[in-house]
Amino acid sequence: MSGYRKLATADVPNTPAPTRVKRELDEALGISSFGLNYVVADPGEPVPWGRHRHPHHEEVFYVLEGRLGVETPDGEFSVGPDEAFYVPENHWNRAVGAGDEPCRLLAMGAPKETDEAIIEERCPVCGECTGREYETTDDGETYILRCAD
């Protein structure tokens, strides 16, 4: 094949993330111009990092099944199956699995090379908005965020 690629989502390794499932389809397919992730978020799980923004990167969430809740400075939005939610560059959002069932979605963003995220959530221990550090356990199955302070 001359550049065409096909893969089964289930064959892509699960990437450590706060959600139960995050499969980086863009990396597996060799996509260089936009990000594409398949995500399964259980109710209450953040997609992907809590309250954050991308200074130079647009983002779209497309819900396949379940519900996604998106908090923004403009209000809260509920996104259901066959609906898409657009986040302009440098705009805050916090997306979480909502409802009673897991939310299956595609998270897309462009340009890929500018997907730096700035996370701003209060640490439940110190109460400050700080950077985050992380570690994985259980061969990458468990993802632990820690306050940088």
Protein backbone atom coordinates (compact mmCIF):
# COMPACT_ATOMS: atom_id res chain seq x y z
CA MET A 1 0.00 0.00 0.00
CA SER A 2 1.30 3.45 -0.81
CA GLY A 3 0.91 5.27 2.48
CA TYR A 4 -2.58 4.00 3.35
CA ARG A 5 -2.81 2.48 6.80
CA LYS A 6 -5.49 0.53 8.64
CA LEU A 7 -5.55 -0.67 12.22
CA ALA A 8 -7.91 -2.11 14.76
CA THR A 9 -8.33 0.23 17.72
CA ALA A 10 -8.05 -2.73 20.11
CA ASP A 11 -4.56 -3.47 18.73
CA VAL A 12 -3.23 -0.05 19.81
CA PRO A 13 -1.60 -0.13 23.26
CA ASN A 14 -3.40 1.60 26.10
CA THR A 15 -1.53 4.77 27.12
CA PRO A 16 -1.37 5.72 30.80
CA ALA A 17 -3.98 8.42 31.39
CA PRO A 18 -6.61 9.32 33.99
CA THR A 19 -9.22 7.53 31.87
CA ARG A 20 -9.58 3.75 31.77
CA VAL A 21 -8.72 3.66 28.04
CA LYS A 22 -6.67 6.04 25.90
CA ARG A 23 -5.37 4.72 22.61
CA GLU A 24 -3.18 7.11 20.62
CA LEU A 25 -4.39 6.37 17.11
CA ASP A 26 -2.36 9.23 15.61
CA GLU A 27 0.91 7.70 16.83
CA ALA A 28 -0.05 4.19 15.72
CA LEU A 29 -0.99 5.42 12.23
CA GLY A 30 1.98 7.76 11.88
CA ILE A 31 -0.20 10.90 11.65
CA SER A 32 1.93 14.02 11.83
CA SER A 33 -0.49 16.94 11.38
CA PHE A 34 -3.26 16.29 13.93
CA GLY A 35 -3.80 14.37 17.15
CA LEU A 36 -6.34 11.55 17.32
CA ASN A 37 -7.09 9.55 20.47
CA TYR A 38 -9.73 6.94 21.23
CA VAL A 39 -10.89 7.33 24.83
CA VAL A 40 -13.20 5.44 27.18
CA ALA A 41 -14.00 7.48 30.30
CA ASP A 42 -15.98 6.03 33.17
CA PRO A 43 -18.42 8.41 34.89
CA GLY A 44 -16.44 11.12 36.67
CA GLU A 45 -13.09 10.37 34.98
CA PRO A 46 -11.36 13.44 33.51
CA VAL A 47 -10.68 13.58 29.75
CA PRO A 48 -7.74 13.88 29.65
CA TRP A 49 -6.13 16.04 32.33
CA GLY A 50 -8.77 17.98 34.18
CA ARG A 51 -9.03 21.78 33.75
CA HIS A 52 -6.57 22.70 31.04
CA ARG A 53 -5.94 24.74 27.90
CA HIS A 54 -3.78 24.39 24.80
CA PRO A 55 -2.20 27.78 23.95
CA HIS A 56 -1.75 27.00 20.24
CA HIS A 57 -3.93 23.95 19.60
CA GLU A 58 -7.62 23.45 18.75
CA GLU A 59 -9.47 20.49 20.23
CA VAL A 60 -12.61 18.53 19.31
CA PHE A 61 -14.40 15.82 21.28
CA TYR A 62 -16.69 13.52 19.26
CA VAL A 63 -18.87 11.25 21.40
CA LEU A 64 -19.57 7.74 20.08
CA GLU A 65 -21.49 6.39 23.12
CA GLY A 66 -22.44 7.68 26.54
CA ARG A 67 -22.21 11.29 27.69
CA LEU A 68 -19.38 13.76 28.11
CA GLY A 69 -19.67 16.74 30.43
CA VAL A 70 -17.58 19.78 29.46
CA GLU A 71 -17.07 22.69 31.85
CA THR A 72 -15.95 26.01 30.36
CA PRO A 73 -15.89 29.63 31.53
CA ASP A 74 -19.05 30.04 29.37
CA GLY A 75 -20.95 27.29 31.20
CA GLU A 76 -21.38 23.53 31.31
CA PHE A 77 -22.22 21.44 28.26
CA SER A 78 -23.54 17.90 27.93
CA VAL A 79 -22.36 16.13 24.78
CA GLY A 80 -24.09 12.93 23.69
CA PRO A 81 -23.74 10.30 20.97
CA ASP A 82 -23.09 11.64 17.47
CA GLU A 83 -22.36 15.12 18.87
CA ALA A 84 -19.10 17.04 18.70
CA PHE A 85 -17.76 19.75 21.01
CA TYR A 86 -15.15 22.23 19.77
CA VAL A 87 -12.62 23.98 22.04
CA PRO A 88 -10.75 26.93 20.44
CA GLU A 89 -7.05 27.32 21.12
CA ASN A 90 -6.11 28.85 24.47
CA HIS A 91 -9.61 28.25 25.92
CA TRP A 92 -10.05 26.50 29.28
CA ASN A 93 -12.09 23.33 29.51
CA ARG A 94 -12.59 20.40 31.81
CA ALA A 95 -14.21 17.32 30.27
CA VAL A 96 -15.38 14.29 32.26
CA GLY A 97 -17.29 11.10 31.59
CA ALA A 98 -20.90 11.87 32.57
CA GLY A 99 -24.05 9.85 33.10
CA ASP A 100 -24.29 6.27 34.31
CA GLU A 101 -22.39 4.50 31.52
CA PRO A 102 -18.84 4.84 30.17
CA CYS A 103 -18.32 7.50 27.51
CA ARG A 104 -16.58 6.35 24.31
CA LEU A 105 -15.19 9.25 22.29
CA LEU A 106 -12.61 10.48 19.85
CA ALA A 107 -10.43 13.38 21.00
CA MET A 108 -8.84 15.27 18.13
CA GLY A 109 -6.56 18.29 18.00
CA ALA A 110 -4.46 20.34 15.61
CA PRO A 111 -1.83 21.31 14.89
CA LYS A 112 -0.28 18.25 16.46
CA GLU A 113 3.12 19.79 17.11
CA THR A 114 1.58 22.48 19.35
CA ASP A 115 -0.48 20.29 21.70
CA GLU A 116 1.23 21.52 24.88
CA ALA A 117 -1.32 21.59 27.70
CA ILE A 118 -1.39 23.94 30.66
CA ILE A 119 -3.14 22.24 33.57
CA GLU A 120 -4.80 24.40 36.19
CA GLU A 121 -6.50 22.57 39.01
CA ARG A 122 -6.23 23.10 42.71
CA CYS A 123 -4.26 20.45 44.54
CA PRO A 124 -6.59 18.73 47.04
CA VAL A 125 -3.74 18.68 49.62
CA CYS A 126 -2.11 22.13 49.45
CA GLY A 127 -4.99 24.03 47.80
CA GLU A 128 -2.72 25.76 45.27
CA CYS A 129 -2.80 25.72 41.47
CA THR A 130 0.53 24.08 40.65
CA GLY A 131 2.14 22.00 37.95
CA ARG A 132 1.68 18.25 37.97
CA GLU A 133 4.06 15.32 38.17
CA TYR A 134 3.02 11.75 37.52
CA GLU A 135 4.04 8.15 37.79
CA THR A 136 2.58 4.91 36.56
CA THR A 137 2.22 1.65 38.41
CA ASP A 138 0.98 -1.81 37.46
CA ASP A 139 2.90 -1.74 34.15
CA GLY A 140 1.23 1.50 33.16
CA GLU A 141 -2.28 0.49 34.19
CA THR A 142 -2.50 2.99 37.06
CA TYR A 143 -1.70 6.67 36.52
CA ILE A 144 -0.97 8.83 39.58
CA LEU A 145 -0.88 12.65 39.37
CA ARG A 146 0.92 14.56 42.11
CA CYS A 147 1.17 18.23 42.96
CA ALA A 148 4.61 19.56 41.93
CA ASP A 149 4.91 21.28 45.33
